[in-house]
mmCIF file of all heavy atoms, coordinates in Angstrom:
data_MODEL
# 
_entry.id   MODEL 
# 
loop_
_atom_site.group_PDB 
_atom_site.id 
_atom_site.type_symbol 
_atom_site.label_atom_id 
_atom_site.label_alt_id 
_atom_site.label_comp_id 
_atom_site.label_asym_id 
_atom_site.label_entity_id 
_atom_site.label_seq_id 
_atom_site.pdbx_PDB_ins_code 
_atom_site.Cartn_x 
_atom_site.Cartn_y 
_atom_site.Cartn_z 
_atom_site.occupancy 
_atom_site.B_iso_or_equiv 
_atom_site.pdbx_formal_charge 
_atom_site.auth_seq_id 
_atom_site.auth_comp_id 
_atom_site.auth_asym_id 
_atom_site.auth_atom_id 
_atom_site.pdbx_PDB_model_num 
ATOM 1   N N   . SER A 1 1  ? -10.148 11.418  -7.709  1.00 0.00 ? 1  SER A N   1 
ATOM 2   C CA  . SER A 1 1  ? -10.530 10.994  -9.052  1.00 0.00 ? 1  SER A CA  1 
ATOM 3   C C   . SER A 1 1  ? -10.451 9.472   -9.191  1.00 0.00 ? 1  SER A C   1 
ATOM 4   O O   . SER A 1 1  ? -11.251 8.869   -9.918  1.00 0.00 ? 1  SER A O   1 
ATOM 5   C CB  . SER A 1 1  ? -9.642  11.671  -10.096 1.00 0.00 ? 1  SER A CB  1 
ATOM 6   O OG  . SER A 1 1  ? -8.279  11.384  -9.857  1.00 0.00 ? 1  SER A OG  1 
ATOM 7   N N   . GLU A 1 2  ? -9.536  8.854   -8.470  1.00 0.00 ? 2  GLU A N   1 
ATOM 8   C CA  . GLU A 1 2  ? -9.396  7.394   -8.557  1.00 0.00 ? 2  GLU A CA  1 
ATOM 9   C C   . GLU A 1 2  ? -10.522 6.635   -7.861  1.00 0.00 ? 2  GLU A C   1 
ATOM 10  O O   . GLU A 1 2  ? -10.591 5.409   -7.948  1.00 0.00 ? 2  GLU A O   1 
ATOM 11  C CB  . GLU A 1 2  ? -8.041  6.928   -8.008  1.00 0.00 ? 2  GLU A CB  1 
ATOM 12  C CG  . GLU A 1 2  ? -7.701  7.472   -6.638  1.00 0.00 ? 2  GLU A CG  1 
ATOM 13  C CD  . GLU A 1 2  ? -6.799  8.696   -6.712  1.00 0.00 ? 2  GLU A CD  1 
ATOM 14  O OE1 . GLU A 1 2  ? -7.070  9.605   -7.535  1.00 0.00 ? 2  GLU A OE1 1 
ATOM 15  O OE2 . GLU A 1 2  ? -5.830  8.753   -5.920  1.00 0.00 ? 2  GLU A OE2 1 
ATOM 16  N N   . ASP A 1 3  ? -11.415 7.344   -7.181  1.00 0.00 ? 3  ASP A N   1 
ATOM 17  C CA  . ASP A 1 3  ? -12.597 6.716   -6.598  1.00 0.00 ? 3  ASP A CA  1 
ATOM 18  C C   . ASP A 1 3  ? -13.716 6.577   -7.619  1.00 0.00 ? 3  ASP A C   1 
ATOM 19  O O   . ASP A 1 3  ? -14.745 5.953   -7.325  1.00 0.00 ? 3  ASP A O   1 
ATOM 20  C CB  . ASP A 1 3  ? -13.105 7.539   -5.412  1.00 0.00 ? 3  ASP A CB  1 
ATOM 21  C CG  . ASP A 1 3  ? -12.119 7.571   -4.259  1.00 0.00 ? 3  ASP A CG  1 
ATOM 22  O OD1 . ASP A 1 3  ? -11.507 6.528   -3.961  1.00 0.00 ? 3  ASP A OD1 1 
ATOM 23  O OD2 . ASP A 1 3  ? -11.952 8.655   -3.656  1.00 0.00 ? 3  ASP A OD2 1 
ATOM 24  N N   . THR A 1 4  ? -13.530 7.137   -8.801  1.00 0.00 ? 4  THR A N   1 
ATOM 25  C CA  . THR A 1 4  ? -14.547 7.035   -9.847  1.00 0.00 ? 4  THR A CA  1 
ATOM 26  C C   . THR A 1 4  ? -14.770 5.580   -10.233 1.00 0.00 ? 4  THR A C   1 
ATOM 27  O O   . THR A 1 4  ? -13.830 4.864   -10.576 1.00 0.00 ? 4  THR A O   1 
ATOM 28  C CB  . THR A 1 4  ? -14.112 7.844   -11.087 1.00 0.00 ? 4  THR A CB  1 
ATOM 29  O OG1 . THR A 1 4  ? -14.091 9.233   -10.745 1.00 0.00 ? 4  THR A OG1 1 
ATOM 30  C CG2 . THR A 1 4  ? -15.081 7.629   -12.244 1.00 0.00 ? 4  THR A CG2 1 
ATOM 31  N N   . ALA A 1 5  ? -16.024 5.144   -10.135 1.00 0.00 ? 5  ALA A N   1 
ATOM 32  C CA  . ALA A 1 5  ? -16.367 3.747   -10.409 1.00 0.00 ? 5  ALA A CA  1 
ATOM 33  C C   . ALA A 1 5  ? -17.868 3.567   -10.258 1.00 0.00 ? 5  ALA A C   1 
ATOM 34  O O   . ALA A 1 5  ? -18.560 4.466   -9.778  1.00 0.00 ? 5  ALA A O   1 
ATOM 35  C CB  . ALA A 1 5  ? -15.641 2.818   -9.441  1.00 0.00 ? 5  ALA A CB  1 
ATOM 36  N N   . VAL A 1 6  ? -18.333 2.392   -10.647 1.00 0.00 ? 6  VAL A N   1 
ATOM 37  C CA  . VAL A 1 6  ? -19.687 1.973   -10.291 1.00 0.00 ? 6  VAL A CA  1 
ATOM 38  C C   . VAL A 1 6  ? -19.575 1.234   -8.959  1.00 0.00 ? 6  VAL A C   1 
ATOM 39  O O   . VAL A 1 6  ? -18.746 0.327   -8.815  1.00 0.00 ? 6  VAL A O   1 
ATOM 40  C CB  . VAL A 1 6  ? -20.302 1.054   -11.358 1.00 0.00 ? 6  VAL A CB  1 
ATOM 41  C CG1 . VAL A 1 6  ? -21.676 0.593   -10.914 1.00 0.00 ? 6  VAL A CG1 1 
ATOM 42  C CG2 . VAL A 1 6  ? -20.389 1.784   -12.696 1.00 0.00 ? 6  VAL A CG2 1 
ATOM 43  N N   . TYR A 1 7  ? -20.381 1.648   -8.006  1.00 0.00 ? 7  TYR A N   1 
ATOM 44  C CA  . TYR A 1 7  ? -20.358 1.073   -6.672  1.00 0.00 ? 7  TYR A CA  1 
ATOM 45  C C   . TYR A 1 7  ? -21.531 0.113   -6.514  1.00 0.00 ? 7  TYR A C   1 
ATOM 46  O O   . TYR A 1 7  ? -22.676 0.464   -6.823  1.00 0.00 ? 7  TYR A O   1 
ATOM 47  C CB  . TYR A 1 7  ? -20.409 2.171   -5.624  1.00 0.00 ? 7  TYR A CB  1 
ATOM 48  C CG  . TYR A 1 7  ? -19.088 2.884   -5.465  1.00 0.00 ? 7  TYR A CG  1 
ATOM 49  C CD1 . TYR A 1 7  ? -18.611 3.735   -6.460  1.00 0.00 ? 7  TYR A CD1 1 
ATOM 50  C CD2 . TYR A 1 7  ? -18.297 2.693   -4.330  1.00 0.00 ? 7  TYR A CD2 1 
ATOM 51  C CE1 . TYR A 1 7  ? -17.389 4.375   -6.337  1.00 0.00 ? 7  TYR A CE1 1 
ATOM 52  C CE2 . TYR A 1 7  ? -17.073 3.333   -4.195  1.00 0.00 ? 7  TYR A CE2 1 
ATOM 53  C CZ  . TYR A 1 7  ? -16.629 4.164   -5.200  1.00 0.00 ? 7  TYR A CZ  1 
ATOM 54  O OH  . TYR A 1 7  ? -15.411 4.800   -5.068  1.00 0.00 ? 7  TYR A OH  1 
ATOM 55  N N   . TYR A 1 8  ? -21.233 -1.095  -5.998  1.00 0.00 ? 8  TYR A N   1 
ATOM 56  C CA  . TYR A 1 8  ? -22.223 -2.143  -5.845  1.00 0.00 ? 8  TYR A CA  1 
ATOM 57  C C   . TYR A 1 8  ? -22.380 -2.526  -4.383  1.00 0.00 ? 8  TYR A C   1 
ATOM 58  O O   . TYR A 1 8  ? -21.395 -2.712  -3.649  1.00 0.00 ? 8  TYR A O   1 
ATOM 59  C CB  . TYR A 1 8  ? -21.818 -3.391  -6.619  1.00 0.00 ? 8  TYR A CB  1 
ATOM 60  C CG  . TYR A 1 8  ? -21.757 -3.213  -8.115  1.00 0.00 ? 8  TYR A CG  1 
ATOM 61  C CD1 . TYR A 1 8  ? -20.579 -2.827  -8.745  1.00 0.00 ? 8  TYR A CD1 1 
ATOM 62  C CD2 . TYR A 1 8  ? -22.879 -3.444  -8.905  1.00 0.00 ? 8  TYR A CD2 1 
ATOM 63  C CE1 . TYR A 1 8  ? -20.514 -2.656  -10.112 1.00 0.00 ? 8  TYR A CE1 1 
ATOM 64  C CE2 . TYR A 1 8  ? -22.829 -3.280  -10.282 1.00 0.00 ? 8  TYR A CE2 1 
ATOM 65  C CZ  . TYR A 1 8  ? -21.642 -2.889  -10.871 1.00 0.00 ? 8  TYR A CZ  1 
ATOM 66  O OH  . TYR A 1 8  ? -21.591 -2.730  -12.236 1.00 0.00 ? 8  TYR A OH  1 
ATOM 67  N N   . CYS A 1 9  ? -23.607 -2.669  -3.981  1.00 0.00 ? 9  CYS A N   1 
ATOM 68  C CA  . CYS A 1 9  ? -23.944 -3.201  -2.664  1.00 0.00 ? 9  CYS A CA  1 
ATOM 69  C C   . CYS A 1 9  ? -23.883 -4.720  -2.743  1.00 0.00 ? 9  CYS A C   1 
ATOM 70  O O   . CYS A 1 9  ? -24.331 -5.316  -3.740  1.00 0.00 ? 9  CYS A O   1 
ATOM 71  C CB  . CYS A 1 9  ? -25.347 -2.721  -2.299  1.00 0.00 ? 9  CYS A CB  1 
ATOM 72  S SG  . CYS A 1 9  ? -25.974 -3.304  -0.719  1.00 0.00 ? 9  CYS A SG  1 
ATOM 73  N N   . TRP A 1 10 ? -23.353 -5.360  -1.711  1.00 0.00 ? 10 TRP A N   1 
ATOM 74  C CA  . TRP A 1 10 ? -23.183 -6.813  -1.690  1.00 0.00 ? 10 TRP A CA  1 
ATOM 75  C C   . TRP A 1 10 ? -23.714 -7.378  -0.382  1.00 0.00 ? 10 TRP A C   1 
ATOM 76  O O   . TRP A 1 10 ? -23.544 -6.795  0.693   1.00 0.00 ? 10 TRP A O   1 
ATOM 77  C CB  . TRP A 1 10 ? -21.699 -7.155  -1.819  1.00 0.00 ? 10 TRP A CB  1 
ATOM 78  C CG  . TRP A 1 10 ? -21.374 -8.591  -1.529  1.00 0.00 ? 10 TRP A CG  1 
ATOM 79  C CD1 . TRP A 1 10 ? -21.436 -9.648  -2.386  1.00 0.00 ? 10 TRP A CD1 1 
ATOM 80  C CD2 . TRP A 1 10 ? -20.919 -9.131  -0.278  1.00 0.00 ? 10 TRP A CD2 1 
ATOM 81  N NE1 . TRP A 1 10 ? -21.053 -10.800 -1.750  1.00 0.00 ? 10 TRP A NE1 1 
ATOM 82  C CE2 . TRP A 1 10 ? -20.739 -10.514 -0.454  1.00 0.00 ? 10 TRP A CE2 1 
ATOM 83  C CE3 . TRP A 1 10 ? -20.663 -8.568  0.966   1.00 0.00 ? 10 TRP A CE3 1 
ATOM 84  C CZ2 . TRP A 1 10 ? -20.302 -11.341 0.573   1.00 0.00 ? 10 TRP A CZ2 1 
ATOM 85  C CZ3 . TRP A 1 10 ? -20.221 -9.396  1.990   1.00 0.00 ? 10 TRP A CZ3 1 
ATOM 86  C CH2 . TRP A 1 10 ? -20.047 -10.765 1.785   1.00 0.00 ? 10 TRP A CH2 1 
ATOM 87  N N   . TYR A 1 11 ? -24.358 -8.540  -0.501  1.00 0.00 ? 11 TYR A N   1 
ATOM 88  C CA  . TYR A 1 11 ? -24.820 -9.260  0.671   1.00 0.00 ? 11 TYR A CA  1 
ATOM 89  C C   . TYR A 1 11 ? -24.358 -10.701 0.547   1.00 0.00 ? 11 TYR A C   1 
ATOM 90  O O   . TYR A 1 11 ? -24.584 -11.348 -0.483  1.00 0.00 ? 11 TYR A O   1 
ATOM 91  C CB  . TYR A 1 11 ? -26.346 -9.197  0.763   1.00 0.00 ? 11 TYR A CB  1 
ATOM 92  C CG  . TYR A 1 11 ? -26.978 -10.275 1.614   1.00 0.00 ? 11 TYR A CG  1 
ATOM 93  C CD1 . TYR A 1 11 ? -26.609 -10.439 2.948   1.00 0.00 ? 11 TYR A CD1 1 
ATOM 94  C CD2 . TYR A 1 11 ? -27.955 -11.117 1.097   1.00 0.00 ? 11 TYR A CD2 1 
ATOM 95  C CE1 . TYR A 1 11 ? -27.183 -11.425 3.726   1.00 0.00 ? 11 TYR A CE1 1 
ATOM 96  C CE2 . TYR A 1 11 ? -28.537 -12.104 1.866   1.00 0.00 ? 11 TYR A CE2 1 
ATOM 97  C CZ  . TYR A 1 11 ? -28.146 -12.256 3.179   1.00 0.00 ? 11 TYR A CZ  1 
ATOM 98  O OH  . TYR A 1 11 ? -28.723 -13.231 3.955   1.00 0.00 ? 11 TYR A OH  1 
ATOM 99  N N   . GLY A 1 12 ? -23.713 -11.193 1.619   1.00 0.00 ? 12 GLY A N   1 
ATOM 100 C CA  . GLY A 1 12 ? -23.228 -12.561 1.616   1.00 0.00 ? 12 GLY A CA  1 
ATOM 101 C C   . GLY A 1 12 ? -24.245 -13.502 2.216   1.00 0.00 ? 12 GLY A C   1 
ATOM 102 O O   . GLY A 1 12 ? -24.274 -13.653 3.444   1.00 0.00 ? 12 GLY A O   1 
ATOM 103 N N   . GLY A 1 13 ? -25.075 -14.098 1.392   1.00 0.00 ? 13 GLY A N   1 
ATOM 104 C CA  . GLY A 1 13 ? -26.082 -15.020 1.874   1.00 0.00 ? 13 GLY A CA  1 
ATOM 105 C C   . GLY A 1 13 ? -25.480 -16.362 2.264   1.00 0.00 ? 13 GLY A C   1 
ATOM 106 O O   . GLY A 1 13 ? -24.287 -16.598 2.090   1.00 0.00 ? 13 GLY A O   1 
ATOM 107 N N   . SER A 1 14 ? -26.317 -17.233 2.781   1.00 0.00 ? 14 SER A N   1 
ATOM 108 C CA  . SER A 1 14 ? -25.832 -18.530 3.270   1.00 0.00 ? 14 SER A CA  1 
ATOM 109 C C   . SER A 1 14 ? -25.328 -19.418 2.139   1.00 0.00 ? 14 SER A C   1 
ATOM 110 O O   . SER A 1 14 ? -24.435 -20.249 2.345   1.00 0.00 ? 14 SER A O   1 
ATOM 111 C CB  . SER A 1 14 ? -26.937 -19.244 4.043   1.00 0.00 ? 14 SER A CB  1 
ATOM 112 O OG  . SER A 1 14 ? -28.068 -19.429 3.207   1.00 0.00 ? 14 SER A OG  1 
ATOM 113 N N   . SER A 1 15 ? -25.879 -19.258 0.928   1.00 0.00 ? 15 SER A N   1 
ATOM 114 C CA  . SER A 1 15 ? -25.483 -20.139 -0.162  1.00 0.00 ? 15 SER A CA  1 
ATOM 115 C C   . SER A 1 15 ? -24.982 -19.405 -1.406  1.00 0.00 ? 15 SER A C   1 
ATOM 116 O O   . SER A 1 15 ? -24.460 -20.027 -2.323  1.00 0.00 ? 15 SER A O   1 
ATOM 117 C CB  . SER A 1 15 ? -26.661 -21.028 -0.572  1.00 0.00 ? 15 SER A CB  1 
ATOM 118 O OG  . SER A 1 15 ? -27.752 -20.222 -0.991  1.00 0.00 ? 15 SER A OG  1 
ATOM 119 N N   . ARG A 1 16 ? -25.115 -18.097 -1.412  1.00 0.00 ? 16 ARG A N   1 
ATOM 120 C CA  . ARG A 1 16 ? -24.682 -17.340 -2.585  1.00 0.00 ? 16 ARG A CA  1 
ATOM 121 C C   . ARG A 1 16 ? -24.569 -15.874 -2.230  1.00 0.00 ? 16 ARG A C   1 
ATOM 122 O O   . ARG A 1 16 ? -25.035 -15.435 -1.182  1.00 0.00 ? 16 ARG A O   1 
ATOM 123 C CB  . ARG A 1 16 ? -25.678 -17.503 -3.738  1.00 0.00 ? 16 ARG A CB  1 
ATOM 124 C CG  . ARG A 1 16 ? -27.115 -17.152 -3.381  1.00 0.00 ? 16 ARG A CG  1 
ATOM 125 C CD  . ARG A 1 16 ? -27.975 -16.864 -4.579  1.00 0.00 ? 16 ARG A CD  1 
ATOM 126 N NE  . ARG A 1 16 ? -27.649 -15.588 -5.172  1.00 0.00 ? 16 ARG A NE  1 
ATOM 127 C CZ  . ARG A 1 16 ? -28.363 -15.021 -6.138  1.00 0.00 ? 16 ARG A CZ  1 
ATOM 128 N NH1 . ARG A 1 16 ? -29.417 -15.664 -6.628  1.00 0.00 ? 16 ARG A NH1 1 
ATOM 129 N NH2 . ARG A 1 16 ? -28.011 -13.856 -6.640  1.00 0.00 ? 16 ARG A NH2 1 
ATOM 130 N N   . SER A 1 17 ? -23.932 -15.120 -3.121  1.00 0.00 ? 17 SER A N   1 
ATOM 131 C CA  . SER A 1 17 ? -23.835 -13.673 -2.971  1.00 0.00 ? 17 SER A CA  1 
ATOM 132 C C   . SER A 1 17 ? -24.948 -12.991 -3.748  1.00 0.00 ? 17 SER A C   1 
ATOM 133 O O   . SER A 1 17 ? -25.419 -13.510 -4.764  1.00 0.00 ? 17 SER A O   1 
ATOM 134 C CB  . SER A 1 17 ? -22.482 -13.170 -3.498  1.00 0.00 ? 17 SER A CB  1 
ATOM 135 O OG  . SER A 1 17 ? -21.432 -13.552 -2.658  1.00 0.00 ? 17 SER A OG  1 
ATOM 136 N N   . TYR A 1 18 ? -25.331 -11.827 -3.256  1.00 0.00 ? 18 TYR A N   1 
ATOM 137 C CA  . TYR A 1 18 ? -26.336 -11.008 -3.925  1.00 0.00 ? 18 TYR A CA  1 
ATOM 138 C C   . TYR A 1 18 ? -25.751 -9.634  -4.200  1.00 0.00 ? 18 TYR A C   1 
ATOM 139 O O   . TYR A 1 18 ? -24.955 -9.117  -3.395  1.00 0.00 ? 18 TYR A O   1 
ATOM 140 C CB  . TYR A 1 18 ? -27.590 -10.862 -3.052  1.00 0.00 ? 18 TYR A CB  1 
ATOM 141 C CG  . TYR A 1 18 ? -28.315 -12.161 -2.811  1.00 0.00 ? 18 TYR A CG  1 
ATOM 142 C CD1 . TYR A 1 18 ? -27.931 -13.001 -1.762  1.00 0.00 ? 18 TYR A CD1 1 
ATOM 143 C CD2 . TYR A 1 18 ? -29.375 -12.563 -3.618  1.00 0.00 ? 18 TYR A CD2 1 
ATOM 144 C CE1 . TYR A 1 18 ? -28.588 -14.200 -1.533  1.00 0.00 ? 18 TYR A CE1 1 
ATOM 145 C CE2 . TYR A 1 18 ? -30.036 -13.751 -3.387  1.00 0.00 ? 18 TYR A CE2 1 
ATOM 146 C CZ  . TYR A 1 18 ? -29.638 -14.564 -2.349  1.00 0.00 ? 18 TYR A CZ  1 
ATOM 147 O OH  . TYR A 1 18 ? -30.278 -15.748 -2.125  1.00 0.00 ? 18 TYR A OH  1 
ATOM 148 N N   . TRP A 1 19 ? -26.148 -9.047  -5.322  1.00 0.00 ? 19 TRP A N   1 
ATOM 149 C CA  . TRP A 1 19 ? -25.625 -7.752  -5.733  1.00 0.00 ? 19 TRP A CA  1 
ATOM 150 C C   . TRP A 1 19 ? -26.758 -6.802  -6.087  1.00 0.00 ? 19 TRP A C   1 
ATOM 151 O O   . TRP A 1 19 ? -27.789 -7.216  -6.624  1.00 0.00 ? 19 TRP A O   1 
ATOM 152 C CB  . TRP A 1 19 ? -24.735 -7.914  -6.964  1.00 0.00 ? 19 TRP A CB  1 
ATOM 153 C CG  . TRP A 1 19 ? -23.548 -8.790  -6.740  1.00 0.00 ? 19 TRP A CG  1 
ATOM 154 C CD1 . TRP A 1 19 ? -23.472 -10.135 -6.943  1.00 0.00 ? 19 TRP A CD1 1 
ATOM 155 C CD2 . TRP A 1 19 ? -22.263 -8.383  -6.267  1.00 0.00 ? 19 TRP A CD2 1 
ATOM 156 N NE1 . TRP A 1 19 ? -22.224 -10.606 -6.617  1.00 0.00 ? 19 TRP A NE1 1 
ATOM 157 C CE2 . TRP A 1 19 ? -21.456 -9.533  -6.205  1.00 0.00 ? 19 TRP A CE2 1 
ATOM 158 C CE3 . TRP A 1 19 ? -21.709 -7.151  -5.904  1.00 0.00 ? 19 TRP A CE3 1 
ATOM 159 C CZ2 . TRP A 1 19 ? -20.129 -9.500  -5.782  1.00 0.00 ? 19 TRP A CZ2 1 
ATOM 160 C CZ3 . TRP A 1 19 ? -20.388 -7.113  -5.490  1.00 0.00 ? 19 TRP A CZ3 1 
ATOM 161 C CH2 . TRP A 1 19 ? -19.611 -8.289  -5.434  1.00 0.00 ? 19 TRP A CH2 1 
ATOM 162 N N   . GLY A 1 20 ? -26.523 -5.522  -5.818  1.00 0.00 ? 20 GLY A N   1 
ATOM 163 C CA  . GLY A 1 20 ? -27.425 -4.508  -6.324  1.00 0.00 ? 20 GLY A CA  1 
ATOM 164 C C   . GLY A 1 20 ? -27.087 -4.184  -7.764  1.00 0.00 ? 20 GLY A C   1 
ATOM 165 O O   . GLY A 1 20 ? -26.168 -4.768  -8.351  1.00 0.00 ? 20 GLY A O   1 
ATOM 166 N N   . GLN A 1 21 ? -27.823 -3.220  -8.325  1.00 0.00 ? 21 GLN A N   1 
ATOM 167 C CA  . GLN A 1 21 ? -27.633 -2.895  -9.736  1.00 0.00 ? 21 GLN A CA  1 
ATOM 168 C C   . GLN A 1 21 ? -26.471 -1.944  -9.957  1.00 0.00 ? 21 GLN A C   1 
ATOM 169 O O   . GLN A 1 21 ? -26.012 -1.774  -11.090 1.00 0.00 ? 21 GLN A O   1 
ATOM 170 C CB  . GLN A 1 21 ? -28.921 -2.277  -10.308 1.00 0.00 ? 21 GLN A CB  1 
ATOM 171 C CG  . GLN A 1 21 ? -29.135 -0.794  -10.013 1.00 0.00 ? 21 GLN A CG  1 
ATOM 172 C CD  . GLN A 1 21 ? -29.571 -0.521  -8.574  1.00 0.00 ? 21 GLN A CD  1 
ATOM 173 O OE1 . GLN A 1 21 ? -29.793 -1.437  -7.785  1.00 0.00 ? 21 GLN A OE1 1 
ATOM 174 N NE2 . GLN A 1 21 ? -29.703 0.755   -8.235  1.00 0.00 ? 21 GLN A NE2 1 
ATOM 175 N N   . GLY A 1 22 ? -25.982 -1.336  -8.903  1.00 0.00 ? 22 GLY A N   1 
ATOM 176 C CA  . GLY A 1 22 ? -24.847 -0.426  -8.996  1.00 0.00 ? 22 GLY A CA  1 
ATOM 177 C C   . GLY A 1 22 ? -25.269 1.019   -9.112  1.00 0.00 ? 22 GLY A C   1 
ATOM 178 O O   . GLY A 1 22 ? -26.338 1.334   -9.633  1.00 0.00 ? 22 GLY A O   1 
ATOM 179 N N   . THR A 1 23 ? -24.415 1.897   -8.616  1.00 0.00 ? 23 THR A N   1 
ATOM 180 C CA  . THR A 1 23 ? -24.634 3.338   -8.729  1.00 0.00 ? 23 THR A CA  1 
ATOM 181 C C   . THR A 1 23 ? -23.312 3.996   -9.114  1.00 0.00 ? 23 THR A C   1 
ATOM 182 O O   . THR A 1 23 ? -22.264 3.670   -8.565  1.00 0.00 ? 23 THR A O   1 
ATOM 183 C CB  . THR A 1 23 ? -25.209 3.918   -7.423  1.00 0.00 ? 23 THR A CB  1 
ATOM 184 O OG1 . THR A 1 23 ? -25.530 5.304   -7.610  1.00 0.00 ? 23 THR A OG1 1 
ATOM 185 C CG2 . THR A 1 23 ? -24.245 3.798   -6.251  1.00 0.00 ? 23 THR A CG2 1 
ATOM 186 N N   . GLN A 1 24 ? -23.371 4.898   -10.090 1.00 0.00 ? 24 GLN A N   1 
ATOM 187 C CA  . GLN A 1 24 ? -22.164 5.515   -10.623 1.00 0.00 ? 24 GLN A CA  1 
ATOM 188 C C   . GLN A 1 24 ? -21.692 6.656   -9.729  1.00 0.00 ? 24 GLN A C   1 
ATOM 189 O O   . GLN A 1 24 ? -22.482 7.534   -9.364  1.00 0.00 ? 24 GLN A O   1 
ATOM 190 C CB  . GLN A 1 24 ? -22.420 6.060   -12.032 1.00 0.00 ? 24 GLN A CB  1 
ATOM 191 C CG  . GLN A 1 24 ? -21.251 6.801   -12.650 1.00 0.00 ? 24 GLN A CG  1 
ATOM 192 C CD  . GLN A 1 24 ? -20.093 5.889   -13.018 1.00 0.00 ? 24 GLN A CD  1 
ATOM 193 O OE1 . GLN A 1 24 ? -20.295 4.840   -13.620 1.00 0.00 ? 24 GLN A OE1 1 
ATOM 194 N NE2 . GLN A 1 24 ? -18.878 6.292   -12.658 1.00 0.00 ? 24 GLN A NE2 1 
ATOM 195 N N   . VAL A 1 25 ? -20.423 6.642   -9.410  1.00 0.00 ? 25 VAL A N   1 
ATOM 196 C CA  . VAL A 1 25 ? -19.775 7.738   -8.709  1.00 0.00 ? 25 VAL A CA  1 
ATOM 197 C C   . VAL A 1 25 ? -18.675 8.281   -9.618  1.00 0.00 ? 25 VAL A C   1 
ATOM 198 O O   . VAL A 1 25 ? -17.791 7.534   -10.037 1.00 0.00 ? 25 VAL A O   1 
ATOM 199 C CB  . VAL A 1 25 ? -19.176 7.290   -7.367  1.00 0.00 ? 25 VAL A CB  1 
ATOM 200 C CG1 . VAL A 1 25 ? -18.335 8.407   -6.750  1.00 0.00 ? 25 VAL A CG1 1 
ATOM 201 C CG2 . VAL A 1 25 ? -20.274 6.870   -6.408  1.00 0.00 ? 25 VAL A CG2 1 
ATOM 202 N N   . THR A 1 26 ? -18.750 9.562   -9.920  1.00 0.00 ? 26 THR A N   1 
ATOM 203 C CA  . THR A 1 26 ? -17.750 10.198  -10.764 1.00 0.00 ? 26 THR A CA  1 
ATOM 204 C C   . THR A 1 26 ? -17.155 11.373  -10.010 1.00 0.00 ? 26 THR A C   1 
ATOM 205 O O   . THR A 1 26 ? -17.887 12.266  -9.571  1.00 0.00 ? 26 THR A O   1 
ATOM 206 C CB  . THR A 1 26 ? -18.363 10.686  -12.087 1.00 0.00 ? 26 THR A CB  1 
ATOM 207 O OG1 . THR A 1 26 ? -18.964 9.576   -12.769 1.00 0.00 ? 26 THR A OG1 1 
ATOM 208 C CG2 . THR A 1 26 ? -17.291 11.299  -12.978 1.00 0.00 ? 26 THR A CG2 1 
ATOM 209 N N   . VAL A 1 27 ? -15.832 11.360  -9.858  1.00 0.00 ? 27 VAL A N   1 
ATOM 210 C CA  . VAL A 1 27 ? -15.132 12.418  -9.157  1.00 0.00 ? 27 VAL A CA  1 
ATOM 211 C C   . VAL A 1 27 ? -14.300 13.191  -10.168 1.00 0.00 ? 27 VAL A C   1 
ATOM 212 O O   . VAL A 1 27 ? -13.414 12.627  -10.815 1.00 0.00 ? 27 VAL A O   1 
ATOM 213 C CB  . VAL A 1 27 ? -14.237 11.861  -8.043  1.00 0.00 ? 27 VAL A CB  1 
ATOM 214 C CG1 . VAL A 1 27 ? -13.584 12.997  -7.267  1.00 0.00 ? 27 VAL A CG1 1 
ATOM 215 C CG2 . VAL A 1 27 ? -15.031 10.962  -7.108  1.00 0.00 ? 27 VAL A CG2 1 
ATOM 216 N N   . SER A 1 28 ? -14.595 14.462  -10.294 1.00 0.00 ? 28 SER A N   1 
ATOM 217 C CA  . SER A 1 28 ? -13.871 15.298  -11.249 1.00 0.00 ? 28 SER A CA  1 
ATOM 218 C C   . SER A 1 28 ? -12.702 15.987  -10.552 1.00 0.00 ? 28 SER A C   1 
ATOM 219 O O   . SER A 1 28 ? -12.827 16.456  -9.423  1.00 0.00 ? 28 SER A O   1 
ATOM 220 C CB  . SER A 1 28 ? -14.805 16.336  -11.858 1.00 0.00 ? 28 SER A CB  1 
ATOM 221 O OG  . SER A 1 28 ? -15.295 17.212  -10.858 1.00 0.00 ? 28 SER A OG  1 
ATOM 222 N N   . SER A 1 29 ? -11.594 16.047  -11.243 1.00 0.00 ? 29 SER A N   1 
ATOM 223 C CA  . SER A 1 29 ? -10.391 16.647  -10.636 1.00 0.00 ? 29 SER A CA  1 
ATOM 224 C C   . SER A 1 29 ? -10.243 18.103  -11.038 1.00 0.00 ? 29 SER A C   1 
ATOM 225 O O   . SER A 1 29 ? -10.969 18.620  -11.871 1.00 0.00 ? 29 SER A O   1 
ATOM 226 C CB  . SER A 1 29 ? -9.155  15.866  -11.062 1.00 0.00 ? 29 SER A CB  1 
ATOM 227 O OG  . SER A 1 29 ? -9.072  15.804  -12.462 1.00 0.00 ? 29 SER A OG  1 
# 
């Protein structure tokens, strides 16, 4: 259940970071 969150993809570019829009993960106990 503690893994419940919005998960974001990240890319470390040469001059800045890039992010995806996120995807929701919900774990029911």
